[in-house]
Amino acid sequence: MPKPRIDKKKQKEIAKERISVLFKQAAERFPTNKSLANRYVTLARKIAMKVKVRIPQQYKRQFCKHCYKYLQPGVNARVRTRDGKVIISCFECKKFMRILVKKK
């Protein structure tokens, strides 16, 4: 008997929901278990890639683009602003990300 198929809109909706739940759990677990928080970020990325859905912007800034670790400002990351950019430095891999701030 074949598996029932779920339409793509429903899949993307479920994926976005799961991604948000995983990032919330990562935020809760980070103070006690950093490796588990990093695992949640990895799972969220895998779900996003599988279903081809973008990770929301609010969550994109919460993990490193190079080592994919969960970032907590002041603990394992530094956030600075300079010349109209937000610069996030990761202490895990010693790399940084620049995010342009739009001017209105």
PDB file of N, CA and C in Angstrom:
ATOM      1  N   MET A   1       0.839  -1.178   0.000  1.00  0.00           N
ATOM      2  CA  MET A   1       0.000   0.000   0.000  1.00  0.00           C
ATOM      3  C   MET A   1       0.891   1.252   0.000  1.00  0.00           C
ATOM      4  N   PRO A   2       0.707   2.171  -0.942  1.00  0.00           N
ATOM      5  CA  PRO A   2       1.572   3.350  -1.007  1.00  0.00           C
ATOM      6  C   PRO A   2       1.311   4.324   0.147  1.00  0.00           C
ATOM      7  N   LYS A   3       2.378   5.086   0.454  1.00  0.00           N
ATOM      8  CA  LYS A   3       2.259   6.095   1.496  1.00  0.00           C
ATOM      9  C   LYS A   3       1.366   7.232   1.023  1.00  0.00           C
ATOM     10  N   PRO A   4       0.519   7.757   1.900  1.00  0.00           N
ATOM     11  CA  PRO A   4      -0.291   8.914   1.491  1.00  0.00           C
ATOM     12  C   PRO A   4       0.614  10.129   1.278  1.00  0.00           C
ATOM     13  N   ARG A   5       0.376  10.870   0.212  1.00  0.00           N
ATOM     14  CA  ARG A   5       1.202  12.025  -0.129  1.00  0.00           C
ATOM     15  C   ARG A   5       0.623  13.299   0.489  1.00  0.00           C
ATOM     16  N   ILE A   6       1.521  14.118   0.992  1.00  0.00           N
ATOM     17  CA  ILE A   6       1.133  15.406   1.548  1.00  0.00           C
ATOM     18  C   ILE A   6       1.530  16.467   0.517  1.00  0.00           C
ATOM     19  N   ASP A   7       0.636  17.404   0.256  1.00  0.00           N
ATOM     20  CA  ASP A   7       0.963  18.426  -0.740  1.00  0.00           C
ATOM     21  C   ASP A   7       2.113  19.313  -0.257  1.00  0.00           C
ATOM     22  N   LYS A   8       2.802  19.950  -1.204  1.00  0.00           N
ATOM     23  CA  LYS A   8       4.021  20.702  -0.903  1.00  0.00           C
ATOM     24  C   LYS A   8       3.781  21.888   0.019  1.00  0.00           C
ATOM     25  N   LYS A   9       2.626  22.553  -0.119  1.00  0.00           N
ATOM     26  CA  LYS A   9       2.325  23.690   0.760  1.00  0.00           C
ATOM     27  C   LYS A   9       2.265  23.231   2.214  1.00  0.00           C
ATOM     28  N   LYS A  10       1.607  22.117   2.434  1.00  0.00           N
ATOM     29  CA  LYS A  10       1.473  21.571   3.786  1.00  0.00           C
ATOM     30  C   LYS A  10       2.844  21.165   4.336  1.00  0.00           C
ATOM     31  N   GLN A  11       3.683  20.556   3.482  1.00  0.00           N
ATOM     32  CA  GLN A  11       5.024  20.161   3.901  1.00  0.00           C
ATOM     33  C   GLN A  11       5.842  21.370   4.333  1.00  0.00           C
ATOM     34  N   LYS A  12       5.785  22.452   3.543  1.00  0.00           N
ATOM     35  CA  LYS A  12       6.554  23.646   3.866  1.00  0.00           C
ATOM     36  C   LYS A  12       6.064  24.299   5.153  1.00  0.00           C
ATOM     37  N   GLU A  13       4.756  24.272   5.348  1.00  0.00           N
ATOM     38  CA  GLU A  13       4.176  24.822   6.574  1.00  0.00           C
ATOM     39  C   GLU A  13       4.654  24.042   7.798  1.00  0.00           C
ATOM     40  N   ILE A  14       4.624  22.713   7.691  1.00  0.00           N
ATOM     41  CA  ILE A  14       5.084  21.848   8.787  1.00  0.00           C
ATOM     42  C   ILE A  14       6.570  22.072   9.043  1.00  0.00           C
ATOM     43  N   ALA A  15       7.364  22.210   7.978  1.00  0.00           N
ATOM     44  CA  ALA A  15       8.808  22.416   8.109  1.00  0.00           C
ATOM     45  C   ALA A  15       9.106  23.723   8.829  1.00  0.00           C
ATOM     46  N   LYS A  16       8.406  24.799   8.473  1.00  0.00           N
ATOM     47  CA  LYS A  16       8.627  26.089   9.140  1.00  0.00           C
ATOM     48  C   LYS A  16       8.294  26.001  10.625  1.00  0.00           C
ATOM     49  N   GLU A  17       7.227  25.285  10.928  1.00  0.00           N
ATOM     50  CA  GLU A  17       6.823  25.084  12.321  1.00  0.00           C
ATOM     51  C   GLU A  17       7.916  24.344  13.101  1.00  0.00           C
ATOM     52  N   ARG A  18       8.427  23.277  12.511  1.00  0.00           N
ATOM     53  CA  ARG A  18       9.456  22.462  13.173  1.00  0.00           C
ATOM     54  C   ARG A  18      10.751  23.236  13.348  1.00  0.00           C
ATOM     55  N   ILE A  19      11.094  24.043  12.348  1.00  0.00           N
ATOM     56  CA  ILE A  19      12.312  24.858  12.446  1.00  0.00           C
ATOM     57  C   ILE A  19      12.202  25.826  13.615  1.00  0.00           C
ATOM     58  N   SER A  20      11.045  26.482  13.749  1.00  0.00           N
ATOM     59  CA  SER A  20      10.883  27.425  14.859  1.00  0.00           C
ATOM     60  C   SER A  20      10.924  26.706  16.208  1.00  0.00           C
ATOM     61  N   VAL A  21      10.334  25.526  16.284  1.00  0.00           N
ATOM     62  CA  VAL A  21      10.360  24.752  17.536  1.00  0.00           C
ATOM     63  C   VAL A  21      11.798  24.348  17.878  1.00  0.00           C
ATOM     64  N   LEU A  22      12.559  23.919  16.873  1.00  0.00           N
ATOM     65  CA  LEU A  22      13.938  23.500  17.123  1.00  0.00           C
ATOM     66  C   LEU A  22      14.812  24.663  17.592  1.00  0.00           C
ATOM     67  N   PHE A  23      14.627  25.848  17.020  1.00  0.00           N
ATOM     68  CA  PHE A  23      15.418  26.991  17.471  1.00  0.00           C
ATOM     69  C   PHE A  23      15.017  27.424  18.874  1.00  0.00           C
ATOM     70  N   LYS A  24      13.743  27.314  19.214  1.00  0.00           N
ATOM     71  CA  LYS A  24      13.318  27.649  20.579  1.00  0.00           C
ATOM     72  C   LYS A  24      13.914  26.659  21.580  1.00  0.00           C
ATOM     73  N   GLN A  25      13.923  25.381  21.211  1.00  0.00           N
ATOM     74  CA  GLN A  25      14.518  24.369  22.088  1.00  0.00           C
ATOM     75  C   GLN A  25      16.024  24.577  22.216  1.00  0.00           C
ATOM     76  N   ALA A  26      16.677  24.977  21.126  1.00  0.00           N
ATOM     77  CA  ALA A  26      18.117  25.242  21.178  1.00  0.00           C
ATOM     78  C   ALA A  26      18.414  26.384  22.146  1.00  0.00           C
ATOM     79  N   ALA A  27      17.576  27.416  22.132  1.00  0.00           N
ATOM     80  CA  ALA A  27      17.766  28.539  23.051  1.00  0.00           C
ATOM     81  C   ALA A  27      17.599  28.101  24.505  1.00  0.00           C
ATOM     82  N   GLU A  28      16.651  27.198  24.751  1.00  0.00           N
ATOM     83  CA  GLU A  28      16.414  26.709  26.110  1.00  0.00           C
ATOM     84  C   GLU A  28      17.554  25.816  26.594  1.00  0.00           C
ATOM     85  N   ARG A  29      18.066  24.958  25.717  1.00  0.00           N
ATOM     86  CA  ARG A  29      19.069  23.970  26.098  1.00  0.00           C
ATOM     87  C   ARG A  29      20.497  24.515  26.135  1.00  0.00           C
ATOM     88  N   PHE A  30      20.744  25.631  25.461  1.00  0.00           N
ATOM     89  CA  PHE A  30      22.112  26.128  25.314  1.00  0.00           C
ATOM     90  C   PHE A  30      22.850  26.328  26.640  1.00  0.00           C
ATOM     91  N   PRO A  31      22.245  26.915  27.673  1.00  0.00           N
ATOM     92  CA  PRO A  31      23.007  27.111  28.917  1.00  0.00           C
ATOM     93  C   PRO A  31      23.477  25.816  29.572  1.00  0.00           C
ATOM     94  N   THR A  32      22.722  24.738  29.411  1.00  0.00           N
ATOM     95  CA  THR A  32      23.076  23.489  30.075  1.00  0.00           C
ATOM     96  C   THR A  32      23.809  22.511  29.167  1.00  0.00           C
ATOM     97  N   ASN A  33      23.394  22.440  27.882  1.00  0.00           N
ATOM     98  CA  ASN A  33      23.958  21.438  26.984  1.00  0.00           C
ATOM     99  C   ASN A  33      24.179  22.050  25.592  1.00  0.00           C
ATOM    100  N   LYS A  34      25.381  22.547  25.363  1.00  0.00           N
ATOM    101  CA  LYS A  34      25.692  23.231  24.103  1.00  0.00           C
ATOM    102  C   LYS A  34      25.655  22.298  22.898  1.00  0.00           C
ATOM    103  N   SER A  35      26.096  21.071  23.079  1.00  0.00           N
ATOM    104  CA  SER A  35      26.123  20.131  21.944  1.00  0.00           C
ATOM    105  C   SER A  35      24.709  19.786  21.488  1.00  0.00           C
ATOM    106  N   LEU A  36      23.777  19.713  22.414  1.00  0.00           N
ATOM    107  CA  LEU A  36      22.387  19.438  22.055  1.00  0.00           C
ATOM    108  C   LEU A  36      21.779  20.623  21.297  1.00  0.00           C
ATOM    109  N   ALA A  37      22.110  21.839  21.721  1.00  0.00           N
ATOM    110  CA  ALA A  37      21.638  23.036  21.018  1.00  0.00           C
ATOM    111  C   ALA A  37      22.190  23.070  19.596  1.00  0.00           C
ATOM    112  N   ASN A  38      23.455  22.692  19.432  1.00  0.00           N
ATOM    113  CA  ASN A  38      24.057  22.635  18.094  1.00  0.00           C
ATOM    114  C   ASN A  38      23.396  21.566  17.236  1.00  0.00           C
ATOM    115  N   ARG A  39      23.020  20.488  17.848  1.00  0.00           N
ATOM    116  CA  ARG A  39      22.327  19.409  17.119  1.00  0.00           C
ATOM    117  C   ARG A  39      20.960  19.880  16.627  1.00  0.00           C
ATOM    118  N   TYR A  40      20.252  20.648  17.451  1.00  0.00           N
ATOM    119  CA  TYR A  40      18.953  21.185  17.039  1.00  0.00           C
ATOM    120  C   TYR A  40      19.095  22.106  15.820  1.00  0.00           C
ATOM    121  N   VAL A  41      20.167  22.907  15.799  1.00  0.00           N
ATOM    122  CA  VAL A  41      20.411  23.786  14.653  1.00  0.00           C
ATOM    123  C   VAL A  41      20.673  22.939  13.404  1.00  0.00           C
ATOM    124  N   THR A  42      21.457  21.886  13.550  1.00  0.00           N
ATOM    125  CA  THR A  42      21.751  20.998  12.415  1.00  0.00           C
ATOM    126  C   THR A  42      20.472  20.367  11.883  1.00  0.00           C
ATOM    127  N   LEU A  43      19.614  19.912  12.782  1.00  0.00           N
ATOM    128  CA  LEU A  43      18.348  19.302  12.363  1.00  0.00           C
ATOM    129  C   LEU A  43      17.453  20.302  11.646  1.00  0.00           C
ATOM    130  N   ALA A  44      17.409  21.536  12.161  1.00  0.00           N
ATOM    131  CA  ALA A  44      16.595  22.573  11.527  1.00  0.00           C
ATOM    132  C   ALA A  44      17.106  22.865  10.117  1.00  0.00           C
ATOM    133  N   ARG A  45      18.423  22.918   9.952  1.00  0.00           N
ATOM    134  CA  ARG A  45      18.999  23.154   8.627  1.00  0.00           C
ATOM    135  C   ARG A  45      18.671  22.001   7.673  1.00  0.00           C
ATOM    136  N   LYS A  46      18.754  20.775   8.160  1.00  0.00           N
ATOM    137  CA  LYS A  46      18.454  19.614   7.317  1.00  0.00           C
ATOM    138  C   LYS A  46      16.996  19.620   6.863  1.00  0.00           C
ATOM    139  N   ILE A  47      16.105  19.970   7.769  1.00  0.00           N
ATOM    140  CA  ILE A  47      14.684  20.052   7.416  1.00  0.00           C
ATOM    141  C   ILE A  47      14.475  21.116   6.346  1.00  0.00           C
ATOM    142  N   ALA A  48      15.119  22.267   6.524  1.00  0.00           N
ATOM    143  CA  ALA A  48      14.973  23.361   5.556  1.00  0.00           C
ATOM    144  C   ALA A  48      15.497  22.955   4.181  1.00  0.00           C
ATOM    145  N   MET A  49      16.611  22.242   4.156  1.00  0.00           N
ATOM    146  CA  MET A  49      17.178  21.820   2.873  1.00  0.00           C
ATOM    147  C   MET A  49      16.333  20.742   2.208  1.00  0.00           C
ATOM    148  N   LYS A  50      15.805  19.836   3.008  1.00  0.00           N
ATOM    149  CA  LYS A  50      15.012  18.731   2.465  1.00  0.00           C
ATOM    150  C   LYS A  50      13.742  19.237   1.787  1.00  0.00           C
ATOM    151  N   VAL A  51      13.057  20.187   2.442  1.00  0.00           N
ATOM    152  CA  VAL A  51      11.771  20.679   1.947  1.00  0.00           C
ATOM    153  C   VAL A  51      11.958  21.918   1.056  1.00  0.00           C
ATOM    154  N   LYS A  52      13.202  22.416   0.971  1.00  0.00           N
ATOM    155  CA  LYS A  52      13.522  23.622   0.184  1.00  0.00           C
ATOM    156  C   LYS A  52      12.741  24.837   0.675  1.00  0.00           C
ATOM    157  N   VAL A  53      12.859  25.074   1.965  1.00  0.00           N
ATOM    158  CA  VAL A  53      12.226  26.251   2.576  1.00  0.00           C
ATOM    159  C   VAL A  53      13.330  27.077   3.233  1.00  0.00           C
ATOM    160  N   ARG A  54      13.188  28.398   3.193  1.00  0.00           N
ATOM    161  CA  ARG A  54      14.185  29.268   3.802  1.00  0.00           C
ATOM    162  C   ARG A  54      14.011  29.310   5.308  1.00  0.00           C
ATOM    163  N   ILE A  55      15.142  29.371   5.992  1.00  0.00           N
ATOM    164  CA  ILE A  55      15.102  29.575   7.435  1.00  0.00           C
ATOM    165  C   ILE A  55      14.772  31.043   7.661  1.00  0.00           C
ATOM    166  N   PRO A  56      13.811  31.363   8.530  1.00  0.00           N
ATOM    167  CA  PRO A  56      13.435  32.764   8.758  1.00  0.00           C
ATOM    168  C   PRO A  56      14.627  33.607   9.213  1.00  0.00           C
ATOM    169  N   GLN A  57      14.600  34.883   8.859  1.00  0.00           N
ATOM    170  CA  GLN A  57      15.722  35.784   9.115  1.00  0.00           C
ATOM    171  C   GLN A  57      16.078  35.870  10.594  1.00  0.00           C
ATOM    172  N   GLN A  58      15.079  35.826  11.458  1.00  0.00           N
ATOM    173  CA  GLN A  58      15.353  35.920  12.895  1.00  0.00           C
ATOM    174  C   GLN A  58      16.189  34.742  13.380  1.00  0.00           C
ATOM    175  N   TYR A  59      16.043  33.582  12.754  1.00  0.00           N
ATOM    176  CA  TYR A  59      16.813  32.410  13.153  1.00  0.00           C
ATOM    177  C   TYR A  59      18.152  32.317  12.433  1.00  0.00           C
ATOM    178  N   LYS A  60      18.252  32.917  11.243  1.00  0.00           N
ATOM    179  CA  LYS A  60      19.504  32.879  10.488  1.00  0.00           C
ATOM    180  C   LYS A  60      20.645  33.522  11.254  1.00  0.00           C
ATOM    181  N   ARG A  61      20.326  34.525  12.050  1.00  0.00           N
ATOM    182  CA  ARG A  61      21.357  35.222  12.801  1.00  0.00           C
ATOM    183  C   ARG A  61      21.735  34.487  14.079  1.00  0.00           C
ATOM    184  N   GLN A  62      21.071  33.400  14.387  1.00  0.00           N
ATOM    185  CA  GLN A  62      21.332  32.686  15.630  1.00  0.00           C
ATOM    186  C   GLN A  62      22.285  31.513  15.463  1.00  0.00           C
ATOM    187  N   PHE A  63      22.779  31.283  14.243  1.00  0.00           N
ATOM    188  CA  PHE A  63      23.774  30.235  14.080  1.00  0.00           C
ATOM    189  C   PHE A  63      24.865  30.706  13.123  1.00  0.00           C
ATOM    190  N   CYS A  64      26.049  30.142  13.279  1.00  0.00           N
ATOM    191  CA  CYS A  64      27.197  30.527  12.464  1.00  0.00           C
ATOM    192  C   CYS A  64      27.063  29.919  11.071  1.00  0.00           C
ATOM    193  N   LYS A  65      27.345  30.730  10.057  1.00  0.00           N
ATOM    194  CA  LYS A  65      27.242  30.273   8.673  1.00  0.00           C
ATOM    195  C   LYS A  65      28.417  29.373   8.275  1.00  0.00           C
ATOM    196  N   HIS A  66      29.473  29.363   9.089  1.00  0.00           N
ATOM    197  CA  HIS A  66      30.672  28.600   8.756  1.00  0.00           C
ATOM    198  C   HIS A  66      30.734  27.255   9.474  1.00  0.00           C
ATOM    199  N   CYS A  67      30.455  27.256  10.777  1.00  0.00           N
ATOM    200  CA  CYS A  67      30.552  26.011  11.553  1.00  0.00           C
ATOM    201  C   CYS A  67      29.189  25.480  11.997  1.00  0.00           C
ATOM    202  N   TYR A  68      28.121  26.236  11.733  1.00  0.00           N
ATOM    203  CA  TYR A  68      26.741  25.842  12.033  1.00  0.00           C
ATOM    204  C   TYR A  68      26.480  25.585  13.513  1.00  0.00           C
ATOM    205  N   LYS A  69      27.166  26.324  14.383  1.00  0.00           N
ATOM    206  CA  LYS A  69      26.929  26.230  15.824  1.00  0.00           C
ATOM    207  C   LYS A  69      25.898  27.274  16.230  1.00  0.00           C
ATOM    208  N   TYR A  70      25.152  26.973  17.280  1.00  0.00           N
ATOM    209  CA  TYR A  70      24.193  27.926  17.823  1.00  0.00           C
ATOM    210  C   TYR A  70      24.967  29.050  18.493  1.00  0.00           C
ATOM    211  N   LEU A  71      24.582  30.296  18.222  1.00  0.00           N
ATOM    212  CA  LEU A  71      25.290  31.452  18.774  1.00  0.00           C
ATOM    213  C   LEU A  71      24.455  32.154  19.829  1.00  0.00           C
ATOM    214  N   GLN A  72      25.085  32.424  20.948  1.00  0.00           N
ATOM    215  CA  GLN A  72      24.473  33.189  22.028  1.00  0.00           C
ATOM    216  C   GLN A  72      25.360  34.402  22.260  1.00  0.00           C
ATOM    217  N   PRO A  73      24.881  35.612  21.923  1.00  0.00           N
ATOM    218  CA  PRO A  73      25.724  36.795  22.091  1.00  0.00           C
ATOM    219  C   PRO A  73      26.223  36.947  23.525  1.00  0.00           C
ATOM    220  N   GLY A  74      27.522  37.183  23.652  1.00  0.00           N
ATOM    221  CA  GLY A  74      28.137  37.333  24.968  1.00  0.00           C
ATOM    222  C   GLY A  74      28.715  36.046  25.507  1.00  0.00           C
ATOM    223  N   VAL A  75      28.253  34.901  25.005  1.00  0.00           N
ATOM    224  CA  VAL A  75      28.751  33.615  25.480  1.00  0.00           C
ATOM    225  C   VAL A  75      29.732  33.034  24.463  1.00  0.00           C
ATOM    226  N   ASN A  76      29.275  32.804  23.250  1.00  0.00           N
ATOM    227  CA  ASN A  76      30.163  32.283  22.216  1.00  0.00           C
ATOM    228  C   ASN A  76      30.089  33.111  20.930  1.00  0.00           C
ATOM    229  N   ALA A  77      29.596  34.348  21.042  1.00  0.00           N
ATOM    230  CA  ALA A  77      29.533  35.233  19.887  1.00  0.00           C
ATOM    231  C   ALA A  77      29.610  36.691  20.337  1.00  0.00           C
ATOM    232  N   ARG A  78      30.060  37.532  19.417  1.00  0.00           N
ATOM    233  CA  ARG A  78      30.120  38.969  19.669  1.00  0.00           C
ATOM    234  C   ARG A  78      29.329  39.659  18.569  1.00  0.00           C
ATOM    235  N   VAL A  79      28.483  40.613  18.945  1.00  0.00           N
ATOM    236  CA  VAL A  79      27.684  41.364  17.972  1.00  0.00           C
ATOM    237  C   VAL A  79      28.087  42.825  18.062  1.00  0.00           C
ATOM    238  N   ARG A  80      28.488  43.376  16.922  1.00  0.00           N
ATOM    239  CA  ARG A  80      28.892  44.777  16.848  1.00  0.00           C
ATOM    240  C   ARG A  80      28.236  45.427  15.637  1.00  0.00           C
ATOM    241  N   THR A  81      28.092  46.750  15.677  1.00  0.00           N
ATOM    242  CA  THR A  81      27.621  47.478  14.506  1.00  0.00           C
ATOM    243  C   THR A  81      28.739  48.395  14.043  1.00  0.00           C
ATOM    244  N   ARG A  82      28.869  48.503  12.706  1.00  0.00           N
ATOM    245  CA  ARG A  82      29.918  49.343  12.151  1.00  0.00           C
ATOM    246  C   ARG A  82      29.601  49.674  10.702  1.00  0.00           C
ATOM    247  N   ASP A  83      29.603  50.949  10.383  1.00  0.00           N
ATOM    248  CA  ASP A  83      29.398  51.415   9.006  1.00  0.00           C
ATOM    249  C   ASP A  83      28.151  50.834   8.358  1.00  0.00           C
ATOM    250  N   GLY A  84      27.052  50.813   9.085  1.00  0.00           N
ATOM    251  CA  GLY A  84      25.801  50.321   8.516  1.00  0.00           C
ATOM    252  C   GLY A  84      25.722  48.817   8.381  1.00  0.00           C
ATOM    253  N   LYS A  85      26.570  48.091   9.127  1.00  0.00           N
ATOM    254  CA  LYS A  85      26.552  46.638   9.083  1.00  0.00           C
ATOM    255  C   LYS A  85      26.499  46.093  10.503  1.00  0.00           C
ATOM    256  N   VAL A  86      25.873  44.939  10.661  1.00  0.00           N
ATOM    257  CA  VAL A  86      25.932  44.201  11.918  1.00  0.00           C
ATOM    258  C   VAL A  86      26.982  43.120  11.712  1.00  0.00           C
ATOM    259  N   ILE A  87      27.977  43.070  12.576  1.00  0.00           N
ATOM    260  CA  ILE A  87      29.051  42.088  12.455  1.00  0.00           C
ATOM    261  C   ILE A  87      28.937  41.106  13.612  1.00  0.00           C
ATOM    262  N   ILE A  88      28.747  39.831  13.280  1.00  0.00           N
ATOM    263  CA  ILE A  88      28.617  38.774  14.282  1.00  0.00           C
ATOM    264  C   ILE A  88      29.873  37.920  14.208  1.00  0.00           C
ATOM    265  N   SER A  89      30.633  37.867  15.314  1.00  0.00           N
ATOM    266  CA  SER A  89      31.858  37.077  15.373  1.00  0.00           C
ATOM    267  C   SER A  89      31.590  35.796  16.146  1.00  0.00           C
ATOM    268  N   CYS A  90      31.979  34.681  15.565  1.00  0.00           N
ATOM    269  CA  CYS A  90      31.816  33.376  16.216  1.00  0.00           C
ATOM    270  C   CYS A  90      33.105  33.029  16.950  1.00  0.00           C
ATOM    271  N   PHE A  91      33.006  32.684  18.229  1.00  0.00           N
ATOM    272  CA  PHE A  91      34.187  32.303  18.994  1.00  0.00           C
ATOM    273  C   PHE A  91      34.552  30.839  18.783  1.00  0.00           C
ATOM    274  N   GLU A  92      33.650  30.054  18.206  1.00  0.00           N
ATOM    275  CA  GLU A  92      33.908  28.633  17.982  1.00  0.00           C
ATOM    276  C   GLU A  92      34.891  28.434  16.832  1.00  0.00           C
ATOM    277  N   CYS A  93      34.619  29.102  15.697  1.00  0.00           N
ATOM    278  CA  CYS A  93      35.455  28.913  14.502  1.00  0.00           C
ATOM    279  C   CYS A  93      36.300  30.142  14.178  1.00  0.00           C
ATOM    280  N   LYS A  94      36.178  31.212  14.971  1.00  0.00           N
ATOM    281  CA  LYS A  94      36.935  32.453  14.808  1.00  0.00           C
ATOM    282  C   LYS A  94      36.655  33.174  13.487  1.00  0.00           C
ATOM    283  N   LYS A  95      35.477  32.973  12.927  1.00  0.00           N
ATOM    284  CA  LYS A  95      35.099  33.679  11.707  1.00  0.00           C
ATOM    285  C   LYS A  95      33.970  34.644  12.027  1.00  0.00           C
ATOM    286  N   PHE A  96      33.601  35.484  11.058  1.00  0.00           N
ATOM    287  CA  PHE A  96      32.560  36.461  11.304  1.00  0.00           C
ATOM    288  C   PHE A  96      31.648  36.592  10.109  1.00  0.00           C
ATOM    289  N   MET A  97      30.458  37.125  10.365  1.00  0.00           N
ATOM    290  CA  MET A  97      29.446  37.333   9.340  1.00  0.00           C
ATOM    291  C   MET A  97      29.078  38.811   9.350  1.00  0.00           C
ATOM    292  N   ARG A  98      28.913  39.368   8.174  1.00  0.00           N
ATOM    293  CA  ARG A  98      28.480  40.758   8.048  1.00  0.00           C
ATOM    294  C   ARG A  98      27.069  40.783   7.485  1.00  0.00           C
ATOM    295  N   ILE A  99      26.191  41.525   8.138  1.00  0.00           N
ATOM    296  CA  ILE A  99      24.811  41.649   7.686  1.00  0.00           C
ATOM    297  C   ILE A  99      24.539  43.124   7.458  1.00  0.00           C
ATOM    298  N   LEU A 100      24.134  43.460   6.259  1.00  0.00           N
ATOM    299  CA  LEU A 100      23.869  44.839   5.905  1.00  0.00           C
ATOM    300  C   LEU A 100      22.560  45.310   6.539  1.00  0.00           C
ATOM    301  N   VAL A 101      22.604  46.514   7.138  1.00  0.00           N
ATOM    302  CA  VAL A 101      21.404  47.101   7.730  1.00  0.00           C
ATOM    303  C   VAL A 101      20.840  48.072   6.704  1.00  0.00           C
ATOM    304  N   LYS A 102      19.594  47.866   6.335  1.00  0.00           N
ATOM    305  CA  LYS A 102      18.968  48.721   5.337  1.00  0.00           C
ATOM    306  C   LYS A 102      18.686  50.093   5.931  1.00  0.00           C
ATOM    307  N   LYS A 103      18.953  51.110   5.134  1.00  0.00           N
ATOM    308  CA  LYS A 103      18.661  52.468   5.561  1.00  0.00           C
ATOM    309  C   LYS A 103      17.328  52.888   4.949  1.00  0.00           C
ATOM    310  N   LYS A 104      16.512  53.578   5.734  1.00  0.00           N
ATOM    311  CA  LYS A 104      15.204  54.003   5.233  1.00  0.00           C
ATOM    312  C   LYS A 104      15.223  55.430   4.780  1.00  0.00           C
TER     313      LYS A 104
END
